[in-house]
C-alpha atoms as a PDB file:
ATOM      1  CA  MET A   1     136.849  -1.775-184.398  1.00  0.00           C
ATOM      2  CA  ILE A   2     138.121   0.996-186.594  1.00  0.00           C
ATOM      3  CA  VAL A   3     134.860   2.999-186.546  1.00  0.00           C
ATOM      4  CA  TYR A   4     134.833   3.301-182.755  1.00  0.00           C
ATOM      5  CA  GLU A   5     138.523   4.204-182.684  1.00  0.00           C
ATOM      6  CA  ARG A   6     138.113   6.883-185.321  1.00  0.00           C
ATOM      7  CA  LEU A   7     134.966   8.299-183.662  1.00  0.00           C
ATOM      8  CA  ALA A   8     136.833   8.431-180.335  1.00  0.00           C
ATOM      9  CA  TYR A   9     139.703  10.267-182.029  1.00  0.00           C
ATOM     10  CA  LEU A  10     137.268  12.728-183.649  1.00  0.00           C
ATOM     11  CA  GLU A  11     135.607  13.294-180.277  1.00  0.00           C
ATOM     12  CA  LYS A  12     139.037  13.947-178.724  1.00  0.00           C
ATOM     13  CA  MET A  13     139.841  16.417-181.515  1.00  0.00           C
ATOM     14  CA  ILE A  14     136.656  18.342-180.781  1.00  0.00           C
ATOM     15  CA  ALA A  15     137.129  18.199-177.009  1.00  0.00           C
ATOM     16  CA  GLU A  16     140.741  19.392-177.241  1.00  0.00           C
ATOM     17  CA  GLY A  17     140.208  21.865-180.093  1.00  0.00           C
ATOM     18  CA  LYS A  18     140.797  25.583-179.590  1.00  0.00           C
ATOM     19  CA  LYS A  19     137.672  27.397-178.444  1.00  0.00           C
ATOM     20  CA  LEU A  20     136.469  30.527-180.131  1.00  0.00           C
ATOM     21  CA  PRO A  21     136.158  33.364-177.678  1.00  0.00           C
ATOM     22  CA  LEU A  22     132.722  33.778-176.081  1.00  0.00           C
ATOM     23  CA  SER A  23     131.353  30.619-177.705  1.00  0.00           C
ATOM     24  CA  GLU A  24     131.242  26.861-177.412  1.00  0.00           C
ATOM     25  CA  LYS A  25     132.575  26.496-180.933  1.00  0.00           C
ATOM     26  CA  VAL A  26     136.015  24.973-181.506  1.00  0.00           C
ATOM     27  CA  ILE A  27     138.529  25.025-184.297  1.00  0.00           C
ATOM     28  CA  ILE A  28     139.627  21.679-185.719  1.00  0.00           C
ATOM     29  CA  ASP A  29     141.690  20.672-188.709  1.00  0.00           C
ATOM     30  CA  LYS A  30     139.203  20.322-191.572  1.00  0.00           C
ATOM     31  CA  THR A  31     141.460  18.011-193.643  1.00  0.00           C
ATOM     32  CA  GLU A  32     142.105  15.711-190.702  1.00  0.00           C
ATOM     33  CA  ALA A  33     138.402  15.616-189.731  1.00  0.00           C
ATOM     34  CA  LEU A  34     137.362  14.848-193.311  1.00  0.00           C
ATOM     35  CA  GLU A  35     140.008  12.113-193.486  1.00  0.00           C
ATOM     36  CA  ILE A  36     138.587  10.562-190.311  1.00  0.00           C
ATOM     37  CA  PHE A  37     135.071  10.680-191.769  1.00  0.00           C
ATOM     38  CA  LYS A  38     136.379   9.044-194.938  1.00  0.00           C
ATOM     39  CA  GLU A  39     137.986   6.248-192.877  1.00  0.00           C
ATOM     40  CA  ILE A  40     134.743   5.762-190.969  1.00  0.00           C
ATOM     41  CA  LYS A  41     132.722   5.586-194.202  1.00  0.00           C
ATOM     42  CA  THR A  42     135.167   3.049-195.615  1.00  0.00           C
ATOM     43  CA  ALA A  43     135.198   0.885-192.479  1.00  0.00           C
ATOM     44  CA  LEU A  44     131.497   1.156-191.705  1.00  0.00           C
ATOM     45  CA  PRO A  45     130.154  -1.213-194.408  1.00  0.00           C
ATOM     46  CA  ASP A  46     132.572  -3.981-193.371  1.00  0.00           C
ATOM     47  CA  GLU A  47     131.747  -3.558-189.708  1.00  0.00           C
ATOM     48  CA  LEU A  48     128.033  -3.418-190.482  1.00  0.00           C
ATOM     49  CA  LYS A  49     128.366  -6.630-192.490  1.00  0.00           C
ATOM     50  CA  GLN A  50     130.241  -8.217-189.605  1.00  0.00           C
ATOM     51  CA  ALA A  51     127.641  -6.988-187.103  1.00  0.00           C
ATOM     52  CA  LYS A  52     124.819  -8.276-189.326  1.00  0.00           C
ATOM     53  CA  TRP A  53     126.558 -11.638-189.657  1.00  0.00           C
ATOM     54  CA  ILE A  54     126.958 -11.808-185.858  1.00  0.00           C
ATOM     55  CA  SER A  55     123.311 -10.858-185.417  1.00  0.00           C
ATOM     56  CA  ASP A  56     122.197 -13.488-187.954  1.00  0.00           C
ATOM     57  CA  GLU A  57     124.359 -16.145-186.298  1.00  0.00           C
ATOM     58  CA  ARG A  58     122.930 -15.190-182.915  1.00  0.00           C
ATOM     59  CA  LYS A  59     119.408 -15.566-184.307  1.00  0.00           C
ATOM     60  CA  LYS A  60     120.295 -18.975-185.781  1.00  0.00           C
ATOM     61  CA  ILE A  61     121.745 -20.089-182.456  1.00  0.00           C
ATOM     62  CA  ILE A  62     118.622 -18.932-180.625  1.00  0.00           C
ATOM     63  CA  VAL A  63     116.330 -20.666-183.139  1.00  0.00           C
ATOM     64  CA  ASN A  64     118.382 -23.862-182.887  1.00  0.00           C
ATOM     65  CA  ALA A  65     118.346 -23.629-179.090  1.00  0.00           C
ATOM     66  CA  HIS A  66     114.553 -23.228-179.118  1.00  0.00           C
ATOM     67  CA  MET A  67     114.169 -26.174-181.494  1.00  0.00           C
ATOM     68  CA  GLU A  68     116.467 -28.294-179.342  1.00  0.00           C
ATOM     69  CA  ALA A  69     114.593 -27.255-176.194  1.00  0.00           C
ATOM     70  CA  ASP A  70     111.266 -28.145-177.846  1.00  0.00           C
ATOM     71  CA  GLN A  71     112.680 -31.532-178.865  1.00  0.00           C
ATOM     72  CA  ILE A  72     113.925 -32.171-175.336  1.00  0.00           C
ATOM     73  CA  ILE A  73     110.512 -31.223-173.939  1.00  0.00           C
ATOM     74  CA  ASN A  74     108.744 -33.498-176.448  1.00  0.00           C
ATOM     75  CA  ASP A  75     111.122 -36.371-175.638  1.00  0.00           C
ATOM     76  CA  ALA A  76     110.528 -35.844-171.940  1.00  0.00           C
ATOM     77  CA  LYS A  77     106.753 -35.811-172.475  1.00  0.00           C
ATOM     78  CA  GLU A  78     107.023 -39.023-174.495  1.00  0.00           C
ATOM     79  CA  LYS A  79     109.043 -40.670-171.766  1.00  0.00           C
ATOM     80  CA  VAL A  80     106.541 -39.523-169.157  1.00  0.00           C
ATOM     81  CA  ASN A  81     103.717 -40.899-171.293  1.00  0.00           C
ATOM     82  CA  GLU A  82     105.593 -44.160-171.836  1.00  0.00           C
ATOM     83  CA  HIS A  83     106.211 -44.371-168.096  1.00  0.00           C
ATOM     84  CA  GLU A  84     102.532 -43.716-167.409  1.00  0.00           C
ATOM     85  CA  ILE A  85     101.512 -46.328-169.984  1.00  0.00           C
ATOM     86  CA  THR A  86     103.944 -48.812-168.448  1.00  0.00           C
ATOM     87  CA  LYS A  87     102.629 -47.998-164.981  1.00  0.00           C
ATOM     88  CA  MET A  88      99.034 -48.396-166.178  1.00  0.00           C
ATOM     89  CA  ALA A  89      99.917 -51.713-167.849  1.00  0.00           C
ATOM     90  CA  GLU A  90     101.592 -52.940-164.668  1.00  0.00           C
ATOM     91  CA  GLU A  91      98.569 -51.915-162.597  1.00  0.00           C
ATOM     92  CA  HIS A  92      96.260 -53.669-165.061  1.00  0.00           C
ATOM     93  CA  ALA A  93      98.452 -56.786-164.981  1.00  0.00           C
ATOM     94  CA  GLU A  94      98.392 -56.757-161.168  1.00  0.00           C
ATOM     95  CA  LYS A  95      94.592 -56.485-161.205  1.00  0.00           C
ATOM     96  CA  LEU A  96      94.339 -59.352-163.696  1.00  0.00           C
ATOM     97  CA  LEU A  97      96.723 -61.466-161.629  1.00  0.00           C
ATOM     98  CA  ALA A  98      94.770 -60.730-158.434  1.00  0.00           C
ATOM     99  CA  ALA A  99      91.501 -61.625-160.197  1.00  0.00           C
ATOM    100  CA  ALA A 100      93.059 -64.847-161.558  1.00  0.00           C
ATOM    101  CA  ARG A 101      94.321 -65.784-158.082  1.00  0.00           C
ATOM    102  CA  GLU A 102      90.920 -65.069-156.587  1.00  0.00           C
ATOM    103  CA  GLU A 103      89.212 -67.133-159.277  1.00  0.00           C
ATOM    104  CA  ALA A 104      91.722 -69.963-158.793  1.00  0.00           C
ATOM    105  CA  ALA A 105      91.062 -69.899-155.041  1.00  0.00           C
ATOM    106  CA  GLU A 106      87.308 -70.014-155.685  1.00  0.00           C
ATOM    107  CA  ILE A 107      87.742 -72.931-158.113  1.00  0.00           C
ATOM    108  CA  ARG A 108      89.997 -74.721-155.611  1.00  0.00           C
ATOM    109  CA  ASP A 109      87.461 -74.190-152.808  1.00  0.00           C
ATOM    110  CA  GLY A 110      84.621 -75.261-155.091  1.00  0.00           C
ATOM    111  CA  SER A 111      86.561 -78.379-156.122  1.00  0.00           C
ATOM    112  CA  ARG A 112      87.232 -79.283-152.488  1.00  0.00           C
ATOM    113  CA  LYS A 113      83.594 -78.772-151.554  1.00  0.00           C
ATOM    114  CA  TYR A 114      82.476 -80.858-154.528  1.00  0.00           C
ATOM    115  CA  ALA A 115      84.971 -83.629-153.696  1.00  0.00           C
ATOM    116  CA  ASP A 116      83.889 -83.533-150.039  1.00  0.00           C
ATOM    117  CA  SER A 117      80.266 -83.692-151.130  1.00  0.00           C
ATOM    118  CA  LEU A 118      81.015 -86.707-153.375  1.00  0.00           C
ATOM    119  CA  LEU A 119      82.949 -88.433-150.590  1.00  0.00           C
ATOM    120  CA  THR A 120      80.101 -87.729-148.137  1.00  0.00           C
ATOM    121  CA  ASP A 121      77.613 -89.228-150.610  1.00  0.00           C
ATOM    122  CA  ILE A 122      79.852 -92.274-151.127  1.00  0.00           C
ATOM    123  CA  GLN A 123      80.279 -92.627-147.378  1.00  0.00           C
ATOM    124  CA  ASP A 124      76.511 -92.404-146.896  1.00  0.00           C
ATOM    125  CA  LYS A 125      76.002 -95.020-149.632  1.00  0.00           C
ATOM    126  CA  LEU A 126      78.641 -97.226-148.002  1.00  0.00           C
ATOM    127  CA  VAL A 127      76.854 -96.921-144.652  1.00  0.00           C
ATOM    128  CA  GLU A 128      73.607 -97.905-146.399  1.00  0.00           C
ATOM    129  CA  ILE A 129      75.359-100.783-148.138  1.00  0.00           C
ATOM    130  CA  ASN A 130      76.890-101.882-144.821  1.00  0.00           C
ATOM    131  CA  GLU A 131      73.460-101.771-143.207  1.00  0.00           C
ATOM    132  CA  ILE A 132      72.030-103.797-146.083  1.00  0.00           C
ATOM    133  CA  ILE A 133      74.898-106.280-145.773  1.00  0.00           C
ATOM    134  CA  ASP A 134      74.405-106.485-142.003  1.00  0.00           C
ATOM    135  CA  ARG A 135      70.655-107.072-142.430  1.00  0.00           C
ATOM    136  CA  SER A 136      71.282-109.616-145.153  1.00  0.00           C
ATOM    137  CA  ARG A 137      73.743-111.455-142.909  1.00  0.00           C
ATOM    138  CA  ASP A 138      71.316-111.309-140.043  1.00  0.00           C
ATOM    139  CA  GLN A 139      68.619-112.776-142.284  1.00  0.00           C
ATOM    140  CA  LEU A 140      70.976-115.497-143.346  1.00  0.00           C
ATOM    141  CA  LYS A 141      71.650-116.395-139.754  1.00  0.00           C
ATOM    142  CA  GLU A 142      68.017-116.815-138.954  1.00  0.00           C
END
């Protein structure tokens, strides 16, 4: 950067300039010093523009990075929520399936008990009918 180079040169001029006796003052070439200041003034606006552009670009990059980070966080939250919803749905489905199996087992047991009860009744009726038949046969034999 021209400004820094010219300021360094000006600083060197002052540091290496002839000192006035009994003082900290130095003698430098007025024309050369003014020329350096003129160069600095000329270069400064361009370098300031460039620095401002770099600063603006940096701000844009930071804003974009923040927006992208926010989007990533929101996407991650959505995925977590979707995962939780899926997990909840799976748990609910498992509960429903367990309840359906339990109900099916109860229906199956109830059906077996009912069928056994019907068969017991039929068997009892058949025993009665057999007894009636045996009595009727005995009566016929008499």
